[in-house]
Amino acid sequence: DTLSLLHSGRYGVMEPPASLPEDMEFDLVVMPGVAFDRAGHRLGHGAGCYDRFLRTFHGRIIGVCYEAMLFDAIPTEPLDLGADLVCTEKALYR
């Protein structure tokens, strides 16, 4: 069972282990953020955990935040990876 691999991380959020089995595949990642912009760019906590994981991920990425945390643009760096969609309590942004 895939969920049995998760453990409670630094902020109490369930996380996968540092290395996953070679044959494990994901189709979807739900990614929280401090803020997002309408293009799907994400402002995180600066640790780069999602960016490292997503470099080898080939599925759909959905960012999740409150509408108040959605901006027209946020600062990004070249290694920052964004979401395909951003979902708030009010709307879904593509």
N, C-alpha and C. Protein backbone atom coordinates (compact mmCIF):
# COMPACT_ATOMS: atom_id res chain seq x y z
N ASP A 1 0.83 -1.18 0.00
CA ASP A 1 0.00 0.00 0.00
C ASP A 1 0.88 1.25 0.00
N THR A 2 0.66 2.16 -0.93
CA THR A 2 1.46 3.36 -1.09
C THR A 2 1.41 4.27 0.14
N LEU A 3 0.26 4.41 0.75
CA LEU A 3 0.11 5.30 1.90
C LEU A 3 0.92 4.84 3.11
N SER A 4 1.21 3.56 3.20
CA SER A 4 1.98 3.05 4.34
C SER A 4 3.43 3.52 4.30
N LEU A 5 3.89 4.03 3.15
CA LEU A 5 5.26 4.53 3.03
C LEU A 5 5.42 5.93 3.62
N LEU A 6 4.31 6.66 3.81
CA LEU A 6 4.38 8.04 4.28
C LEU A 6 4.73 8.12 5.76
N HIS A 7 5.39 9.20 6.14
CA HIS A 7 5.70 9.46 7.55
C HIS A 7 5.43 10.93 7.85
N SER A 8 5.25 11.25 9.11
CA SER A 8 4.98 12.62 9.50
C SER A 8 6.26 13.44 9.40
N GLY A 9 6.22 14.51 8.61
CA GLY A 9 7.39 15.34 8.37
C GLY A 9 7.53 16.48 9.36
N ARG A 10 8.39 17.40 9.01
CA ARG A 10 8.77 18.51 9.88
C ARG A 10 7.58 19.33 10.39
N TYR A 11 6.59 19.57 9.54
CA TYR A 11 5.44 20.38 9.93
C TYR A 11 4.20 19.53 10.20
N GLY A 12 4.39 18.24 10.40
CA GLY A 12 3.27 17.35 10.65
C GLY A 12 2.55 16.93 9.39
N VAL A 13 3.08 17.29 8.22
CA VAL A 13 2.49 16.91 6.94
C VAL A 13 3.06 15.55 6.54
N MET A 14 2.19 14.67 6.08
CA MET A 14 2.64 13.34 5.68
C MET A 14 3.52 13.47 4.44
N GLU A 15 4.70 12.83 4.49
CA GLU A 15 5.69 12.91 3.42
C GLU A 15 6.16 11.53 3.00
N PRO A 16 6.58 11.40 1.74
CA PRO A 16 7.18 10.13 1.33
C PRO A 16 8.59 10.02 1.89
N PRO A 17 9.15 8.82 1.91
CA PRO A 17 10.54 8.67 2.37
C PRO A 17 11.50 9.35 1.40
N ALA A 18 12.74 9.54 1.83
CA ALA A 18 13.75 10.22 1.00
C ALA A 18 13.96 9.49 -0.32
N SER A 19 13.90 8.18 -0.32
CA SER A 19 14.01 7.43 -1.58
C SER A 19 12.81 6.49 -1.68
N LEU A 20 12.23 6.47 -2.86
CA LEU A 20 11.06 5.64 -3.11
C LEU A 20 11.46 4.41 -3.92
N PRO A 21 10.68 3.34 -3.84
CA PRO A 21 10.98 2.17 -4.67
C PRO A 21 11.05 2.55 -6.15
N GLU A 22 11.96 1.92 -6.86
CA GLU A 22 12.18 2.24 -8.28
C GLU A 22 10.92 2.11 -9.13
N ASP A 23 10.06 1.15 -8.81
CA ASP A 23 8.88 0.89 -9.64
C ASP A 23 7.66 1.73 -9.26
N MET A 24 7.80 2.61 -8.27
CA MET A 24 6.66 3.40 -7.83
C MET A 24 6.45 4.60 -8.76
N GLU A 25 5.22 4.78 -9.19
CA GLU A 25 4.88 5.88 -10.08
C GLU A 25 3.70 6.66 -9.50
N PHE A 26 3.72 7.97 -9.69
CA PHE A 26 2.65 8.85 -9.26
C PHE A 26 2.08 9.56 -10.48
N ASP A 27 0.79 9.79 -10.49
CA ASP A 27 0.14 10.53 -11.56
C ASP A 27 -0.16 11.96 -11.16
N LEU A 28 -0.24 12.20 -9.85
CA LEU A 28 -0.69 13.49 -9.35
C LEU A 28 0.04 13.85 -8.07
N VAL A 29 0.44 15.11 -7.96
CA VAL A 29 1.01 15.65 -6.73
C VAL A 29 0.18 16.87 -6.35
N VAL A 30 -0.29 16.90 -5.10
CA VAL A 30 -0.96 18.08 -4.55
C VAL A 30 0.08 18.81 -3.72
N MET A 31 0.36 20.06 -4.12
CA MET A 31 1.49 20.80 -3.56
C MET A 31 1.00 22.07 -2.85
N PRO A 32 1.20 22.16 -1.54
CA PRO A 32 0.84 23.38 -0.83
C PRO A 32 1.91 24.45 -1.06
N GLY A 33 1.58 25.68 -0.77
CA GLY A 33 2.56 26.75 -0.89
C GLY A 33 2.21 27.92 0.01
N VAL A 34 3.20 28.72 0.32
CA VAL A 34 2.96 29.96 1.07
C VAL A 34 2.13 30.89 0.20
N ALA A 35 2.45 30.90 -1.11
CA ALA A 35 1.71 31.70 -2.09
C ALA A 35 1.93 31.11 -3.47
N PHE A 36 1.02 31.42 -4.37
CA PHE A 36 1.13 31.04 -5.79
C PHE A 36 0.82 32.27 -6.62
N ASP A 37 1.26 32.26 -7.87
CA ASP A 37 0.77 33.27 -8.79
C ASP A 37 -0.12 32.58 -9.82
N ARG A 38 -0.76 33.39 -10.65
CA ARG A 38 -1.74 32.85 -11.60
C ARG A 38 -1.10 31.98 -12.69
N ALA A 39 0.23 32.04 -12.82
CA ALA A 39 0.94 31.18 -13.78
C ALA A 39 1.34 29.85 -13.15
N GLY A 40 1.03 29.64 -11.87
CA GLY A 40 1.36 28.40 -11.20
C GLY A 40 2.68 28.39 -10.45
N HIS A 41 3.39 29.52 -10.47
CA HIS A 41 4.64 29.59 -9.72
C HIS A 41 4.34 29.54 -8.23
N ARG A 42 5.24 28.93 -7.47
CA ARG A 42 5.00 28.69 -6.05
C ARG A 42 6.07 29.35 -5.20
N LEU A 43 5.63 29.94 -4.11
CA LEU A 43 6.53 30.43 -3.09
C LEU A 43 6.41 29.45 -1.92
N GLY A 44 7.51 28.76 -1.61
CA GLY A 44 7.48 27.77 -0.54
C GLY A 44 8.23 28.28 0.68
N HIS A 45 8.74 27.33 1.45
CA HIS A 45 9.48 27.67 2.66
C HIS A 45 10.98 27.75 2.42
N GLY A 46 11.42 27.56 1.19
CA GLY A 46 12.83 27.73 0.87
C GLY A 46 13.70 26.51 1.01
N ALA A 47 13.15 25.36 1.38
CA ALA A 47 13.97 24.16 1.56
C ALA A 47 14.20 23.41 0.25
N GLY A 48 13.37 23.65 -0.76
CA GLY A 48 13.54 23.01 -2.06
C GLY A 48 13.08 21.56 -2.13
N CYS A 49 12.34 21.08 -1.13
CA CYS A 49 11.91 19.68 -1.11
C CYS A 49 11.05 19.32 -2.32
N TYR A 50 10.05 20.14 -2.61
CA TYR A 50 9.20 19.85 -3.76
C TYR A 50 9.97 19.98 -5.06
N ASP A 51 10.82 20.99 -5.17
CA ASP A 51 11.58 21.18 -6.40
C ASP A 51 12.46 19.96 -6.70
N ARG A 52 13.12 19.41 -5.69
CA ARG A 52 13.96 18.22 -5.90
C ARG A 52 13.12 17.03 -6.33
N PHE A 53 11.99 16.81 -5.68
CA PHE A 53 11.13 15.69 -6.03
C PHE A 53 10.55 15.85 -7.44
N LEU A 54 10.10 17.05 -7.76
CA LEU A 54 9.40 17.27 -9.03
C LEU A 54 10.30 17.24 -10.25
N ARG A 55 11.61 17.35 -10.07
CA ARG A 55 12.52 17.30 -11.23
C ARG A 55 12.39 15.99 -12.00
N THR A 56 12.02 14.91 -11.33
CA THR A 56 11.89 13.61 -11.99
C THR A 56 10.44 13.17 -12.11
N PHE A 57 9.50 14.03 -11.73
CA PHE A 57 8.08 13.70 -11.77
C PHE A 57 7.50 14.07 -13.12
N HIS A 58 6.63 13.21 -13.67
CA HIS A 58 6.08 13.45 -15.00
C HIS A 58 4.56 13.49 -15.04
N GLY A 59 3.93 13.70 -13.89
CA GLY A 59 2.47 13.76 -13.84
C GLY A 59 1.96 15.18 -13.69
N ARG A 60 0.73 15.28 -13.25
CA ARG A 60 0.05 16.56 -13.06
C ARG A 60 0.35 17.10 -11.67
N ILE A 61 0.55 18.43 -11.57
CA ILE A 61 0.84 19.07 -10.29
C ILE A 61 -0.26 20.08 -10.01
N ILE A 62 -0.91 19.93 -8.85
CA ILE A 62 -1.96 20.87 -8.45
C ILE A 62 -1.49 21.61 -7.21
N GLY A 63 -1.42 22.93 -7.32
CA GLY A 63 -1.08 23.77 -6.18
C GLY A 63 -2.34 24.10 -5.40
N VAL A 64 -2.22 24.16 -4.09
CA VAL A 64 -3.38 24.42 -3.24
C VAL A 64 -3.05 25.58 -2.30
N CYS A 65 -3.92 26.59 -2.29
CA CYS A 65 -3.74 27.71 -1.38
C CYS A 65 -5.08 28.44 -1.22
N TYR A 66 -5.13 29.34 -0.26
CA TYR A 66 -6.30 30.20 -0.12
C TYR A 66 -6.25 31.29 -1.19
N GLU A 67 -7.40 31.79 -1.58
CA GLU A 67 -7.48 32.85 -2.58
C GLU A 67 -6.63 34.06 -2.20
N ALA A 68 -6.57 34.37 -0.92
CA ALA A 68 -5.78 35.51 -0.44
C ALA A 68 -4.28 35.31 -0.65
N MET A 69 -3.87 34.08 -0.92
CA MET A 69 -2.46 33.77 -1.13
C MET A 69 -2.11 33.66 -2.61
N LEU A 70 -3.02 34.07 -3.48
CA LEU A 70 -2.82 34.01 -4.93
C LEU A 70 -2.53 35.42 -5.44
N PHE A 71 -1.44 35.57 -6.18
CA PHE A 71 -1.00 36.87 -6.68
C PHE A 71 -0.88 36.85 -8.19
N ASP A 72 -0.80 38.02 -8.79
CA ASP A 72 -0.60 38.11 -10.24
C ASP A 72 0.78 37.59 -10.62
N ALA A 73 1.78 37.86 -9.79
CA ALA A 73 3.14 37.37 -10.04
C ALA A 73 3.88 37.31 -8.70
N ILE A 74 4.77 36.33 -8.57
CA ILE A 74 5.65 36.23 -7.41
C ILE A 74 7.08 36.03 -7.92
N PRO A 75 8.08 36.35 -7.11
CA PRO A 75 9.46 36.16 -7.54
C PRO A 75 9.78 34.67 -7.68
N THR A 76 10.51 34.32 -8.72
CA THR A 76 10.91 32.93 -8.92
C THR A 76 12.39 32.87 -9.25
N GLU A 77 12.94 31.68 -9.10
CA GLU A 77 14.32 31.40 -9.47
C GLU A 77 14.31 30.33 -10.54
N PRO A 78 15.39 30.19 -11.31
CA PRO A 78 15.40 29.22 -12.42
C PRO A 78 15.07 27.78 -12.02
N LEU A 79 15.41 27.35 -10.82
CA LEU A 79 15.15 25.96 -10.42
C LEU A 79 13.77 25.76 -9.80
N ASP A 80 13.00 26.84 -9.60
CA ASP A 80 11.65 26.72 -9.05
C ASP A 80 10.72 26.05 -10.05
N LEU A 81 9.99 25.05 -9.59
CA LEU A 81 9.03 24.37 -10.45
C LEU A 81 7.63 24.74 -10.00
N GLY A 82 6.75 24.96 -10.95
CA GLY A 82 5.39 25.41 -10.63
C GLY A 82 4.35 24.33 -10.79
N ALA A 83 3.10 24.73 -10.61
CA ALA A 83 1.96 23.84 -10.70
C ALA A 83 1.28 23.99 -12.05
N ASP A 84 0.65 22.90 -12.50
CA ASP A 84 -0.16 22.94 -13.72
C ASP A 84 -1.47 23.68 -13.47
N LEU A 85 -2.00 23.51 -12.28
CA LEU A 85 -3.25 24.14 -11.87
C LEU A 85 -3.07 24.65 -10.45
N VAL A 86 -3.79 25.72 -10.10
CA VAL A 86 -3.82 26.20 -8.72
C VAL A 86 -5.28 26.22 -8.28
N CYS A 87 -5.53 25.55 -7.16
CA CYS A 87 -6.89 25.43 -6.64
C CYS A 87 -7.00 26.23 -5.35
N THR A 88 -7.99 27.10 -5.29
CA THR A 88 -8.29 27.85 -4.07
C THR A 88 -9.71 27.50 -3.64
N GLU A 89 -10.16 28.08 -2.53
CA GLU A 89 -11.52 27.83 -2.09
C GLU A 89 -12.55 28.47 -3.01
N LYS A 90 -12.11 29.36 -3.92
CA LYS A 90 -13.03 30.07 -4.80
C LYS A 90 -12.98 29.65 -6.26
N ALA A 91 -11.81 29.18 -6.73
CA ALA A 91 -11.68 28.90 -8.16
C ALA A 91 -10.51 27.97 -8.44
N LEU A 92 -10.49 27.47 -9.67
CA LEU A 92 -9.39 26.66 -10.19
C LEU A 92 -8.73 27.47 -11.30
N TYR A 93 -7.43 27.70 -11.18
CA TYR A 93 -6.69 28.52 -12.15
C TYR A 93 -5.77 27.63 -12.96
N ARG A 94 -5.81 27.81 -14.28
CA ARG A 94 -4.96 27.02 -15.19
C ARG A 94 -3.79 27.85 -15.66
